Amino acid sequence: MALYRFRVRILSLILRSQPSSSASHDPPFVSLNRLLCSAATTASSASSRRSFAVKHYLVSRCGLTPAQANKAAKRISHLRSSSNPDAVLAFLGGTLGVPAPGIAAAVIMNPAILCSNVAKPNLALLQQCGLSASDITALNKYTARLFTVNPKHLQEAFELVEELGVKRETRMFPRTLVSICWKGKEAVTSRMQLLQEFGFSQHDVREIVRKAPPILSLSDQKVQGNVDFLMKDVGLDVPYIARRPVLDLILLLHVFV
């Protein structure tokens, strides 16, 4: 269909290019050849400009190296204007105060962040969640998804984190938010129910999640294998596991990861 439309367009151009008088000395196939070459050159130049514009923007405005820009550009090749990326950079650097290295790190990990709509509730909601410039500077491939995840899912995750009693001002808040966004509310609820089946009370489960949110990112198999090992092989009881300090708990729950 695209080839058909191209041929129709070329034929139309040829017909329009033929003067009404007999002054033209070029036969039709010569005109066709010229038009084809011109069209091919124009298309090639336009394609190069689009490709170059994205890479150039990533290097000049986002601080990426040419190699990093080349890789990132493939994931946002649909961008045809700098207006949206400019708005995102202005929000990150101006409104949130994220330093240039932090912005570069975020773009490298998730180039799609430049496609985020700053008018949508995600960014404003993240601010309400208490994410500071230093938090955003530490963005990795998981946390960068918070900017592009469905706003409804982000809102649900935000509400669930609050239900768990994780304080906004603690460093565990963004980590828990990320874990819930990554797995989804249903998967997280299922994970918490699984822990209760092992004998953990609802209070115990909330304590475990507050201390070690990465447990929400584990599969049911890994959670079951770890808890079985700790309780049956090591001989630890439920209260002991639930009240462990955060670092020990993370190590304990990652025995088989």
Foldseek 3Di string as FASTA:
>chain_A
DVVVVVVVVLVVVLVVPDDPDPPDPDDSVVSSVVVVVVVVVVVVVVLVCLLCVQLVCCCPPLPDDSVLSNVLCVVVSVDDDCVQLVVLCCCLCPVQNADSLLSNQLCSLPVCLSVFDPVDCQVVVVVVLVQHSVNSSPDHNQLSCSRVQDPVQLVVLLVVLVVLVQDSVDPLSSVLSSLCSVQDPVLLVVLLVLVVVVVADNNLSSLLCNLEVCSSNDDSVLQVVLVCCCCPVVNDDSVVLSPDHSVVNNCSSVVPD
